[in-house]
PDB file of N, CA and C in Angstrom:
ATOM      1  N   MET A   1       0.693  -1.025   0.008  1.00  0.00           N
ATOM      2  CA  MET A   1      -0.132  -0.101   0.061  1.00  0.00           C
ATOM      3  C   MET A   1       0.859   1.242  -0.018  1.00  0.00           C
ATOM      4  N   THR A   2       0.708   2.202  -1.021  1.00  0.00           N
ATOM      5  CA  THR A   2       1.393   3.463  -1.082  1.00  0.00           C
ATOM      6  C   THR A   2       1.160   4.390   0.309  1.00  0.00           C
ATOM      7  N   ALA A   3       2.248   4.767   0.656  1.00  0.00           N
ATOM      8  CA  ALA A   3       2.290   5.791   1.761  1.00  0.00           C
ATOM      9  C   ALA A   3       2.690   7.141   1.437  1.00  0.00           C
ATOM     10  N   PHE A   4       2.206   8.204   1.978  1.00  0.00           N
ATOM     11  CA  PHE A   4       2.735   9.598   1.620  1.00  0.00           C
ATOM     12  C   PHE A   4       3.324  10.213   3.028  1.00  0.00           C
ATOM     13  N   ILE A   5       4.449  11.138   2.787  1.00  0.00           N
ATOM     14  CA  ILE A   5       4.478  11.782   4.019  1.00  0.00           C
ATOM     15  C   ILE A   5       4.310  13.259   3.553  1.00  0.00           C
ATOM     16  N   VAL A   6       3.406  14.011   4.117  1.00  0.00           N
ATOM     17  CA  VAL A   6       2.974  15.313   3.769  1.00  0.00           C
ATOM     18  C   VAL A   6       3.589  16.144   4.781  1.00  0.00           C
ATOM     19  N   PHE A   7       4.541  17.205   4.301  1.00  0.00           N
ATOM     20  CA  PHE A   7       5.013  18.244   4.834  1.00  0.00           C
ATOM     21  C   PHE A   7       4.512  19.466   4.519  1.00  0.00           C
ATOM     22  N   THR A   8       3.771  20.220   5.592  1.00  0.00           N
ATOM     23  CA  THR A   8       2.936  21.549   5.219  1.00  0.00           C
ATOM     24  C   THR A   8       4.026  22.607   6.038  1.00  0.00           C
ATOM     25  N   LYS A   9       4.420  23.514   5.577  1.00  0.00           N
ATOM     26  CA  LYS A   9       5.263  24.805   6.088  1.00  0.00           C
ATOM     27  C   LYS A   9       4.214  25.455   6.616  1.00  0.00           C
ATOM     28  N   GLU A  10       3.946  25.861   7.809  1.00  0.00           N
ATOM     29  CA  GLU A  10       3.208  27.069   8.245  1.00  0.00           C
ATOM     30  C   GLU A  10       3.583  28.279   8.427  1.00  0.00           C
ATOM     31  N   ARG A  11       4.892  28.218   8.896  1.00  0.00           N
ATOM     32  CA  ARG A  11       5.531  29.450   9.151  1.00  0.00           C
ATOM     33  C   ARG A  11       6.952  29.476   9.259  1.00  0.00           C
ATOM     34  N   THR A  12       8.016  30.313   8.433  1.00  0.00           N
ATOM     35  CA  THR A  12       9.288  30.410   8.661  1.00  0.00           C
ATOM     36  C   THR A  12       9.821  31.240   9.824  1.00  0.00           C
ATOM     37  N   HIS A  13      10.711  30.788  10.505  1.00  0.00           N
ATOM     38  CA  HIS A  13      11.194  31.492  11.809  1.00  0.00           C
ATOM     39  C   HIS A  13      12.737  31.796  11.245  1.00  0.00           C
ATOM     40  N   ASP A  14      13.395  30.958  10.549  1.00  0.00           N
ATOM     41  CA  ASP A  14      14.870  31.147  10.412  1.00  0.00           C
ATOM     42  C   ASP A  14      15.193  30.745   9.027  1.00  0.00           C
ATOM     43  N   GLN A  15      15.429  31.490   8.034  1.00  0.00           N
ATOM     44  CA  GLN A  15      15.545  30.909   6.449  1.00  0.00           C
ATOM     45  C   GLN A  15      16.906  30.203   6.590  1.00  0.00           C
ATOM     46  N   SER A  16      17.931  30.722   7.055  1.00  0.00           N
ATOM     47  CA  SER A  16      19.252  29.993   7.131  1.00  0.00           C
ATOM     48  C   SER A  16      19.161  28.574   7.484  1.00  0.00           C
ATOM     49  N   GLN A  17      18.347  28.205   8.650  1.00  0.00           N
ATOM     50  CA  GLN A  17      18.155  26.752   9.126  1.00  0.00           C
ATOM     51  C   GLN A  17      17.581  26.151   8.022  1.00  0.00           C
ATOM     52  N   LEU A  18      16.522  26.676   7.410  1.00  0.00           N
ATOM     53  CA  LEU A  18      15.765  25.991   6.237  1.00  0.00           C
ATOM     54  C   LEU A  18      16.643  25.831   4.882  1.00  0.00           C
ATOM     55  N   ASP A  19      17.714  26.486   4.771  1.00  0.00           N
ATOM     56  CA  ASP A  19      18.353  26.698   3.624  1.00  0.00           C
ATOM     57  C   ASP A  19      19.439  25.526   3.795  1.00  0.00           C
ATOM     58  N   LEU A  20      20.109  25.236   5.149  1.00  0.00           N
ATOM     59  CA  LEU A  20      20.672  24.195   5.326  1.00  0.00           C
ATOM     60  C   LEU A  20      19.896  22.866   5.352  1.00  0.00           C
ATOM     61  N   TYR A  21      18.798  22.893   5.723  1.00  0.00           N
ATOM     62  CA  TYR A  21      17.989  21.685   5.623  1.00  0.00           C
ATOM     63  C   TYR A  21      17.789  21.262   4.183  1.00  0.00           C
ATOM     64  N   GLN A  22      17.394  22.177   3.396  1.00  0.00           N
ATOM     65  CA  GLN A  22      17.065  21.910   1.873  1.00  0.00           C
ATOM     66  C   GLN A  22      18.495  21.477   1.191  1.00  0.00           C
ATOM     67  N   SER A  23      19.519  22.064   1.499  1.00  0.00           N
ATOM     68  CA  SER A  23      20.615  21.448   0.935  1.00  0.00           C
ATOM     69  C   SER A  23      21.165  20.205   1.202  1.00  0.00           C
ATOM     70  N   GLN A  24      20.479  19.705   2.445  1.00  0.00           N
ATOM     71  CA  GLN A  24      21.151  18.387   2.932  1.00  0.00           C
ATOM     72  C   GLN A  24      20.004  17.169   2.789  1.00  0.00           C
ATOM     73  N   VAL A  25      18.908  17.534   2.592  1.00  0.00           N
ATOM     74  CA  VAL A  25      17.857  16.630   2.744  1.00  0.00           C
ATOM     75  C   VAL A  25      17.733  15.390   1.776  1.00  0.00           C
ATOM     76  N   ARG A  26      18.107  15.984   0.311  1.00  0.00           N
ATOM     77  CA  ARG A  26      18.173  15.026  -0.436  1.00  0.00           C
ATOM     78  C   ARG A  26      19.226  13.946  -0.436  1.00  0.00           C
ATOM     79  N   ASP A  27      20.287  14.171   0.466  1.00  0.00           N
ATOM     80  CA  ASP A  27      21.158  13.058   0.744  1.00  0.00           C
ATOM     81  C   ASP A  27      20.767  11.949   1.553  1.00  0.00           C
ATOM     82  N   THR A  28      19.595  12.317   2.394  1.00  0.00           N
ATOM     83  CA  THR A  28      18.909  11.256   3.189  1.00  0.00           C
ATOM     84  C   THR A  28      18.120  10.324   2.306  1.00  0.00           C
ATOM     85  N   PHE A  29      17.794  10.527   1.096  1.00  0.00           N
ATOM     86  CA  PHE A  29      17.016   9.803   0.180  1.00  0.00           C
ATOM     87  C   PHE A  29      17.733   8.496  -0.137  1.00  0.00           C
ATOM     88  N   ASP A  30      19.263   8.548  -0.181  1.00  0.00           N
ATOM     89  CA  ASP A  30      19.777   7.546  -0.616  1.00  0.00           C
ATOM     90  C   ASP A  30      19.395   6.232   0.128  1.00  0.00           C
ATOM     91  N   GLY A  31      19.112   5.111  -0.588  1.00  0.00           N
ATOM     92  CA  GLY A  31      18.828   3.749   0.123  1.00  0.00           C
ATOM     93  C   GLY A  31      17.233   3.630   0.468  1.00  0.00           C
ATOM     94  N   HIS A  32      16.683   4.742   0.240  1.00  0.00           N
ATOM     95  CA  HIS A  32      15.106   4.673   0.468  1.00  0.00           C
ATOM     96  C   HIS A  32      14.479   4.857  -0.853  1.00  0.00           C
ATOM     97  N   PRO A  33      13.289   4.123  -0.859  1.00  0.00           N
ATOM     98  CA  PRO A  33      12.419   4.229  -2.196  1.00  0.00           C
ATOM     99  C   PRO A  33      11.400   5.249  -2.073  1.00  0.00           C
ATOM    100  N   ILE A  34      11.971   6.361  -2.331  1.00  0.00           N
ATOM    101  CA  ILE A  34      11.135   7.740  -2.067  1.00  0.00           C
ATOM    102  C   ILE A  34      11.224   8.409  -3.471  1.00  0.00           C
ATOM    103  N   ASP A  35       9.715   8.972  -4.001  1.00  0.00           N
ATOM    104  CA  ASP A  35       9.446   9.589  -5.048  1.00  0.00           C
ATOM    105  C   ASP A  35       8.866  10.935  -4.456  1.00  0.00           C
ATOM    106  N   LEU A  36       9.586  12.263  -5.057  1.00  0.00           N
ATOM    107  CA  LEU A  36       9.067  13.376  -4.709  1.00  0.00           C
ATOM    108  C   LEU A  36       7.856  13.577  -5.719  1.00  0.00           C
ATOM    109  N   VAL A  37       6.710  13.904  -4.881  1.00  0.00           N
ATOM    110  CA  VAL A  37       5.414  13.990  -5.757  1.00  0.00           C
ATOM    111  C   VAL A  37       4.992  15.295  -5.733  1.00  0.00           C
ATOM    112  N   VAL A  38       5.181  16.158  -4.834  1.00  0.00           N
ATOM    113  CA  VAL A  38       4.623  17.751  -4.805  1.00  0.00           C
ATOM    114  C   VAL A  38       5.872  18.393  -4.147  1.00  0.00           C
ATOM    115  N   LYS A  39       6.155  19.500  -4.703  1.00  0.00           N
ATOM    116  CA  LYS A  39       6.887  20.402  -3.741  1.00  0.00           C
ATOM    117  C   LYS A  39       6.653  21.879  -4.527  1.00  0.00           C
ATOM    118  N   GLY A  40       5.937  22.671  -3.444  1.00  0.00           N
ATOM    119  CA  GLY A  40       5.604  23.974  -3.952  1.00  0.00           C
ATOM    120  C   GLY A  40       4.643  24.737  -3.015  1.00  0.00           C
ATOM    121  N   THR A  41       3.985  25.739  -3.424  1.00  0.00           N
ATOM    122  CA  THR A  41       3.236  26.577  -2.491  1.00  0.00           C
ATOM    123  C   THR A  41       1.604  26.304  -2.914  1.00  0.00           C
ATOM    124  N   PRO A  42       1.179  25.691  -1.961  1.00  0.00           N
ATOM    125  CA  PRO A  42      -0.287  25.594  -2.140  1.00  0.00           C
ATOM    126  C   PRO A  42      -1.357  26.725  -2.346  1.00  0.00           C
ATOM    127  N   HIS A  43      -2.175  26.507  -2.745  1.00  0.00           N
ATOM    128  CA  HIS A  43      -3.330  27.813  -2.822  1.00  0.00           C
ATOM    129  C   HIS A  43      -4.651  27.331  -2.041  1.00  0.00           C
ATOM    130  N   ALA A  44      -4.591  27.740  -0.809  1.00  0.00           N
ATOM    131  CA  ALA A  44      -5.680  27.384   0.199  1.00  0.00           C
ATOM    132  C   ALA A  44      -7.127  27.539  -0.388  1.00  0.00           C
ATOM    133  N   LEU A  45      -7.944  26.692  -0.318  1.00  0.00           N
ATOM    134  CA  LEU A  45      -9.500  26.705  -0.635  1.00  0.00           C
ATOM    135  C   LEU A  45     -10.091  27.060   0.398  1.00  0.00           C
ATOM    136  N   GLU A  46      -9.728  26.484   1.659  1.00  0.00           N
ATOM    137  CA  GLU A  46     -10.408  26.508   2.722  1.00  0.00           C
ATOM    138  C   GLU A  46      -9.263  26.482   3.971  1.00  0.00           C
ATOM    139  N   GLY A  47      -9.295  27.074   4.952  1.00  0.00           N
ATOM    140  CA  GLY A  47      -8.322  27.133   6.209  1.00  0.00           C
ATOM    141  C   GLY A  47      -7.246  28.158   5.831  1.00  0.00           C
ATOM    142  N   ALA A  48      -6.252  28.026   6.736  1.00  0.00           N
ATOM    143  CA  ALA A  48      -5.022  28.822   6.700  1.00  0.00           C
ATOM    144  C   ALA A  48      -4.277  28.826   5.384  1.00  0.00           C
ATOM    145  N   GLN A  49      -3.628  29.714   4.898  1.00  0.00           N
ATOM    146  CA  GLN A  49      -2.726  29.714   3.800  1.00  0.00           C
ATOM    147  C   GLN A  49      -1.377  29.142   4.224  1.00  0.00           C
ATOM    148  N   ALA A  50      -0.848  28.031   3.742  1.00  0.00           N
ATOM    149  CA  ALA A  50       0.413  27.410   4.229  1.00  0.00           C
ATOM    150  C   ALA A  50       1.552  28.044   3.280  1.00  0.00           C
ATOM    151  N   GLU A  51       2.803  28.204   3.857  1.00  0.00           N
ATOM    152  CA  GLU A  51       3.858  28.695   3.119  1.00  0.00           C
ATOM    153  C   GLU A  51       4.415  27.686   2.022  1.00  0.00           C
ATOM    154  N   GLY A  52       4.355  26.489   2.370  1.00  0.00           N
ATOM    155  CA  GLY A  52       4.681  25.456   1.383  1.00  0.00           C
ATOM    156  C   GLY A  52       4.296  23.984   1.499  1.00  0.00           C
ATOM    157  N   MET A  53       4.441  23.337   0.652  1.00  0.00           N
ATOM    158  CA  MET A  53       4.106  22.034   0.814  1.00  0.00           C
ATOM    159  C   MET A  53       5.037  20.987   0.186  1.00  0.00           C
ATOM    160  N   VAL A  54       5.351  19.755   0.718  1.00  0.00           N
ATOM    161  CA  VAL A  54       6.135  18.764   0.257  1.00  0.00           C
ATOM    162  C   VAL A  54       5.443  17.414   0.420  1.00  0.00           C
ATOM    163  N   ILE A  55       5.328  16.632  -0.658  1.00  0.00           N
ATOM    164  CA  ILE A  55       4.686  15.258  -0.450  1.00  0.00           C
ATOM    165  C   ILE A  55       5.643  14.334  -1.149  1.00  0.00           C
ATOM    166  N   LEU A  56       6.064  13.373  -0.344  1.00  0.00           N
ATOM    167  CA  LEU A  56       7.005  12.266  -0.642  1.00  0.00           C
ATOM    168  C   LEU A  56       5.968  10.989  -0.803  1.00  0.00           C
ATOM    169  N   ALA A  57       6.179  10.135  -1.723  1.00  0.00           N
ATOM    170  CA  ALA A  57       5.677   8.884  -1.699  1.00  0.00           C
ATOM    171  C   ALA A  57       6.559   7.679  -1.427  1.00  0.00           C
ATOM    172  N   PHE A  58       6.062   6.653  -0.765  1.00  0.00           N
ATOM    173  CA  PHE A  58       6.851   5.552  -0.488  1.00  0.00           C
ATOM    174  C   PHE A  58       5.933   4.444  -0.936  1.00  0.00           C
ATOM    175  N   PRO A  59       6.632   3.087  -1.091  1.00  0.00           N
ATOM    176  CA  PRO A  59       5.658   1.977  -1.278  1.00  0.00           C
ATOM    177  C   PRO A  59       5.038   1.318  -0.162  1.00  0.00           C
ATOM    178  N   THR A  60       5.492   1.670   0.832  1.00  0.00           N
ATOM    179  CA  THR A  60       4.708   1.135   2.132  1.00  0.00           C
ATOM    180  C   THR A  60       4.696   2.034   3.459  1.00  0.00           C
ATOM    181  N   PRO A  61       3.936   2.015   4.255  1.00  0.00           N
ATOM    182  CA  PRO A  61       4.155   2.767   5.441  1.00  0.00           C
ATOM    183  C   PRO A  61       5.451   2.410   6.114  1.00  0.00           C
ATOM    184  N   ALA A  62       5.868   1.212   6.160  1.00  0.00           N
ATOM    185  CA  ALA A  62       7.166   1.010   6.889  1.00  0.00           C
ATOM    186  C   ALA A  62       8.110   1.719   6.235  1.00  0.00           C
ATOM    187  N   ALA A  63       8.294   1.770   5.021  1.00  0.00           N
ATOM    188  CA  ALA A  63       9.429   2.200   4.091  1.00  0.00           C
ATOM    189  C   ALA A  63       9.346   3.933   4.602  1.00  0.00           C
ATOM    190  N   ALA A  64       8.322   4.354   4.757  1.00  0.00           N
ATOM    191  CA  ALA A  64       8.120   5.805   5.076  1.00  0.00           C
ATOM    192  C   ALA A  64       8.592   6.127   6.475  1.00  0.00           C
ATOM    193  N   ARG A  65       8.293   5.306   7.315  1.00  0.00           N
ATOM    194  CA  ARG A  65       8.829   5.230   8.838  1.00  0.00           C
ATOM    195  C   ARG A  65      10.383   5.102   8.652  1.00  0.00           C
ATOM    196  N   ALA A  66      10.949   4.141   7.925  1.00  0.00           N
ATOM    197  CA  ALA A  66      12.205   3.811   7.907  1.00  0.00           C
ATOM    198  C   ALA A  66      13.220   5.125   7.672  1.00  0.00           C
ATOM    199  N   TRP A  67      12.608   5.653   6.596  1.00  0.00           N
ATOM    200  CA  TRP A  67      13.310   6.869   6.192  1.00  0.00           C
ATOM    201  C   TRP A  67      13.099   8.099   7.221  1.00  0.00           C
ATOM    202  N   TYR A  68      11.839   8.464   7.623  1.00  0.00           N
ATOM    203  CA  TYR A  68      11.713   9.556   8.624  1.00  0.00           C
ATOM    204  C   TYR A  68      12.453   9.177  10.059  1.00  0.00           C
ATOM    205  N   ASP A  69      12.399   8.211  10.394  1.00  0.00           N
ATOM    206  CA  ASP A  69      13.093   7.702  11.680  1.00  0.00           C
ATOM    207  C   ASP A  69      14.482   7.548  11.599  1.00  0.00           C
ATOM    208  N   SER A  70      15.175   7.536  10.144  1.00  0.00           N
ATOM    209  CA  SER A  70      16.575   7.302  10.071  1.00  0.00           C
ATOM    210  C   SER A  70      17.498   8.194  10.771  1.00  0.00           C
ATOM    211  N   PRO A  71      18.616   7.899  11.288  1.00  0.00           N
ATOM    212  CA  PRO A  71      19.377   8.914  11.827  1.00  0.00           C
ATOM    213  C   PRO A  71      19.966   9.884  10.782  1.00  0.00           C
ATOM    214  N   ALA A  72      19.835   9.449   9.860  1.00  0.00           N
ATOM    215  CA  ALA A  72      20.467  10.416   8.592  1.00  0.00           C
ATOM    216  C   ALA A  72      19.511  11.604   8.582  1.00  0.00           C
ATOM    217  N   TYR A  73      18.136  11.289   8.518  1.00  0.00           N
ATOM    218  CA  TYR A  73      17.086  12.157   8.403  1.00  0.00           C
ATOM    219  C   TYR A  73      17.006  13.093   9.621  1.00  0.00           C
ATOM    220  N   GLU A  74      16.994  12.278  10.860  1.00  0.00           N
ATOM    221  CA  GLU A  74      16.619  13.118  12.045  1.00  0.00           C
ATOM    222  C   GLU A  74      17.758  14.069  12.445  1.00  0.00           C
ATOM    223  N   ALA A  75      19.086  13.884  11.682  1.00  0.00           N
ATOM    224  CA  ALA A  75      20.183  14.909  12.069  1.00  0.00           C
ATOM    225  C   ALA A  75      19.808  16.124  11.000  1.00  0.00           C
ATOM    226  N   VAL A  76      19.295  15.819   9.948  1.00  0.00           N
ATOM    227  CA  VAL A  76      18.878  16.997   8.936  1.00  0.00           C
ATOM    228  C   VAL A  76      17.671  17.698   9.446  1.00  0.00           C
ATOM    229  N   ALA A  77      16.738  17.004  10.007  1.00  0.00           N
ATOM    230  CA  ALA A  77      15.539  17.528  10.337  1.00  0.00           C
ATOM    231  C   ALA A  77      15.442  18.517  11.373  1.00  0.00           C
ATOM    232  N   ALA A  78      16.672  18.450  12.180  1.00  0.00           N
ATOM    233  CA  ALA A  78      17.081  19.406  13.216  1.00  0.00           C
ATOM    234  C   ALA A  78      16.835  20.707  12.780  1.00  0.00           C
ATOM    235  N   HIS A  79      17.476  21.087  11.543  1.00  0.00           N
ATOM    236  CA  HIS A  79      17.389  22.182  10.793  1.00  0.00           C
ATOM    237  C   HIS A  79      16.120  22.628  10.414  1.00  0.00           C
ATOM    238  N   ARG A  80      15.287  21.749  10.096  1.00  0.00           N
ATOM    239  CA  ARG A  80      13.748  22.088   9.715  1.00  0.00           C
ATOM    240  C   ARG A  80      12.992  22.593  10.788  1.00  0.00           C
ATOM    241  N   LEU A  81      13.303  21.872  12.042  1.00  0.00           N
ATOM    242  CA  LEU A  81      12.592  22.141  13.290  1.00  0.00           C
ATOM    243  C   LEU A  81      13.149  23.531  13.622  1.00  0.00           C
ATOM    244  N   LYS A  82      14.369  23.935  13.543  1.00  0.00           N
ATOM    245  CA  LYS A  82      14.667  25.246  14.087  1.00  0.00           C
ATOM    246  C   LYS A  82      14.347  26.308  12.956  1.00  0.00           C
ATOM    247  N   GLY A  83      14.016  26.064  11.687  1.00  0.00           N
ATOM    248  CA  GLY A  83      13.836  26.727  10.597  1.00  0.00           C
ATOM    249  C   GLY A  83      12.287  27.423  10.338  1.00  0.00           C
ATOM    250  N   ALA A  84      11.221  26.505  10.940  1.00  0.00           N
ATOM    251  CA  ALA A  84       9.933  26.707  10.624  1.00  0.00           C
ATOM    252  C   ALA A  84       8.998  25.926  11.407  1.00  0.00           C
ATOM    253  N   THR A  85       7.988  26.234  11.308  1.00  0.00           N
ATOM    254  CA  THR A  85       6.713  25.410  12.069  1.00  0.00           C
ATOM    255  C   THR A  85       6.279  24.841  10.899  1.00  0.00           C
ATOM    256  N   TYR A  86       6.251  23.398  10.869  1.00  0.00           N
ATOM    257  CA  TYR A  86       5.735  22.504  10.064  1.00  0.00           C
ATOM    258  C   TYR A  86       4.436  21.374  10.774  1.00  0.00           C
ATOM    259  N   SER A  87       3.706  20.985   9.806  1.00  0.00           N
ATOM    260  CA  SER A  87       2.711  19.902  10.175  1.00  0.00           C
ATOM    261  C   SER A  87       3.357  18.974   9.254  1.00  0.00           C
ATOM    262  N   VAL A  88       3.378  17.471  10.047  1.00  0.00           N
ATOM    263  CA  VAL A  88       3.977  16.438   9.141  1.00  0.00           C
ATOM    264  C   VAL A  88       2.855  15.458   9.437  1.00  0.00           C
ATOM    265  N   ALA A  89       2.664  14.593   8.430  1.00  0.00           N
ATOM    266  CA  ALA A  89       1.339  13.545   8.433  1.00  0.00           C
ATOM    267  C   ALA A  89       1.839  12.325   7.589  1.00  0.00           C
ATOM    268  N   LEU A  90       1.638  11.177   8.012  1.00  0.00           N
ATOM    269  CA  LEU A  90       1.758   9.910   7.219  1.00  0.00           C
ATOM    270  C   LEU A  90       0.379   9.527   6.656  1.00  0.00           C
ATOM    271  N   VAL A  91       0.218   9.378   5.422  1.00  0.00           N
ATOM    272  CA  VAL A  91      -0.821   9.116   4.842  1.00  0.00           C
ATOM    273  C   VAL A  91      -0.930   7.931   4.322  1.00  0.00           C
ATOM    274  N   GLU A  92      -1.748   6.781   4.319  1.00  0.00           N
ATOM    275  CA  GLU A  92      -1.729   5.601   3.436  1.00  0.00           C
ATOM    276  C   GLU A  92      -2.990   5.536   2.455  1.00  0.00           C
ATOM    277  N   SER A  93      -2.572   5.143   1.178  1.00  0.00           N
ATOM    278  CA  SER A  93      -3.473   5.546   0.064  1.00  0.00           C
ATOM    279  C   SER A  93      -4.557   4.294   0.249  1.00  0.00           C
ATOM    280  N   SER A  94      -5.798   4.699   0.192  1.00  0.00           N
ATOM    281  CA  SER A  94      -6.829   3.984   0.054  1.00  0.00           C
ATOM    282  C   SER A  94      -7.311   3.287  -1.277  1.00  0.00           C
ATOM    283  N   ASN A  95      -6.632   3.670  -2.241  1.00  0.00           N
ATOM    284  CA  ASN A  95      -6.963   3.299  -3.587  1.00  0.00           C
ATOM    285  C   ASN A  95      -6.520   2.010  -3.942  1.00  0.00           C
ATOM    286  N   GLU A  96      -5.645   1.418  -3.177  1.00  0.00           N
ATOM    287  CA  GLU A  96      -5.072   0.142  -3.567  1.00  0.00           C
ATOM    288  C   GLU A  96      -5.911  -1.031  -2.978  1.00  0.00           C
TER     289      GLU A  96
END
């Protein structure tokens, strides 16, 4: 069952930290089955306007967690957490 991790950037606090995150995060993809599905600025139809959104696809929820919980990603994610307020969700596809 395909799984997605959805990152929604709500508010930037420190752009230099986000720049570090963005320059390093792709290196954490090595060895993980990740497809970048969406990277951009959403246009809110309802609710608050987010600053940005990234959606990553994985073949299974376990593969998604293996990347998200990996030591490599956790080290890089520290920059994301210092740089902005995000919501992050794991969503499983119901179409399979």
